[in-house]
Amino acid sequence: MDVQSIIVNPDTDPHSYEPTPEDARTLAGAQLAIVNGVGYDSWASKLLDANPEGGRVVLNVGDLLGLAQGENPHRWYFPADVRR
């Protein structure tokens, strides 16, 4: 399995990231996509919705944790959430 990150520059703000055509192609061909959710990377969900793939698994961290839009999207800072 090949793993590819979309945002690789640590100075890039995912909240305001503008995806490229290459990003769209990457997500379109993904078998597994992990998105943060909760409004953090809504562009990623839009790209995935634009090219539905029957066999693709999408892990939305916000959905997994039962969070609503507007809640704190920075879940990777919460050790208990990371374990889940």
Protein backbone atom coordinates (compact mmCIF):
# COMPACT_ATOMS: atom_id res chain seq x y z
CA MET A 1 0.00 0.00 0.00
CA ASP A 2 1.24 3.46 -0.89
CA VAL A 3 0.54 6.28 1.59
CA GLN A 4 0.42 9.88 0.45
CA SER A 5 -0.24 13.06 2.42
CA ILE A 6 -1.96 15.93 0.67
CA ILE A 7 -0.59 18.73 2.85
CA VAL A 8 3.10 18.18 3.50
CA ASN A 9 4.25 21.70 4.38
CA PRO A 10 3.86 22.27 8.15
CA ASP A 11 3.31 26.00 7.50
CA THR A 12 0.16 25.29 5.46
CA ASP A 13 -3.16 26.02 7.18
CA PRO A 14 -5.59 23.15 6.43
CA HIS A 15 -8.54 25.44 7.24
CA SER A 16 -7.86 27.60 4.20
CA TYR A 17 -5.99 25.15 1.96
CA GLU A 18 -6.83 25.32 -1.74
CA PRO A 19 -6.49 21.84 -3.23
CA THR A 20 -4.80 21.35 -6.59
CA PRO A 21 -5.94 19.19 -9.51
CA GLU A 22 -3.24 16.73 -8.43
CA ASP A 23 -4.84 16.56 -4.96
CA ALA A 24 -8.18 15.77 -6.59
CA ARG A 25 -6.59 12.97 -8.62
CA THR A 26 -4.87 11.59 -5.53
CA LEU A 27 -8.11 11.44 -3.57
CA ALA A 28 -10.07 10.11 -6.54
CA GLY A 29 -7.75 7.11 -6.68
CA ALA A 30 -7.58 6.52 -2.94
CA GLN A 31 -8.72 3.22 -1.48
CA LEU A 32 -8.61 4.70 2.03
CA ALA A 33 -8.92 8.38 2.87
CA ILE A 34 -8.49 9.79 6.36
CA VAL A 35 -9.96 13.24 6.88
CA ASN A 36 -10.08 15.25 10.08
CA GLY A 37 -13.63 16.53 9.61
CA VAL A 38 -15.37 19.02 11.91
CA GLY A 39 -14.73 21.80 9.35
CA TYR A 40 -10.96 21.41 9.48
CA ASP A 41 -10.50 20.07 5.96
CA SER A 42 -13.91 20.39 4.30
CA TRP A 43 -12.17 20.65 0.92
CA ALA A 44 -11.10 17.00 1.25
CA SER A 45 -14.64 15.76 1.84
CA LYS A 46 -15.86 17.82 -1.12
CA LEU A 47 -13.24 16.24 -3.38
CA LEU A 48 -14.13 12.75 -2.17
CA ASP A 49 -17.87 13.42 -2.69
CA ALA A 50 -17.19 14.69 -6.20
CA ASN A 51 -15.69 11.34 -7.19
CA PRO A 52 -17.46 8.56 -5.28
CA GLU A 53 -15.75 5.19 -5.36
CA GLY A 54 -17.66 2.11 -4.22
CA GLY A 55 -14.71 0.38 -2.62
CA ARG A 56 -13.18 3.41 -0.93
CA VAL A 57 -13.14 3.62 2.86
CA VAL A 58 -13.31 7.13 4.30
CA LEU A 59 -12.37 7.61 7.94
CA ASN A 60 -13.71 10.94 9.16
CA VAL A 61 -12.18 11.53 12.60
CA GLY A 62 -14.84 14.03 13.65
CA ASP A 63 -17.62 11.58 12.78
CA LEU A 64 -15.80 8.76 14.55
CA LEU A 65 -15.63 10.86 17.71
CA GLY A 66 -19.26 12.04 17.41
CA LEU A 67 -18.29 15.71 17.04
CA ALA A 68 -20.52 18.36 15.47
CA GLN A 69 -19.46 21.13 13.11
CA GLY A 70 -17.94 23.97 15.09
CA GLU A 71 -16.41 21.79 17.80
CA ASN A 72 -12.65 21.83 18.29
CA PRO A 73 -11.22 20.15 15.17
CA HIS A 74 -7.71 19.70 16.56
CA ARG A 75 -8.31 16.13 17.75
CA TRP A 76 -4.74 14.89 17.26
CA TYR A 77 -3.80 16.87 20.38
CA PHE A 78 -6.10 14.73 22.55
CA PRO A 79 -4.35 11.43 23.41
CA ALA A 80 -7.65 9.65 24.21
CA ASP A 81 -9.02 10.63 20.78
CA VAL A 82 -5.89 9.42 19.03
CA ARG A 83 -6.20 6.02 20.69
CA ARG A 84 -9.84 5.74 19.51
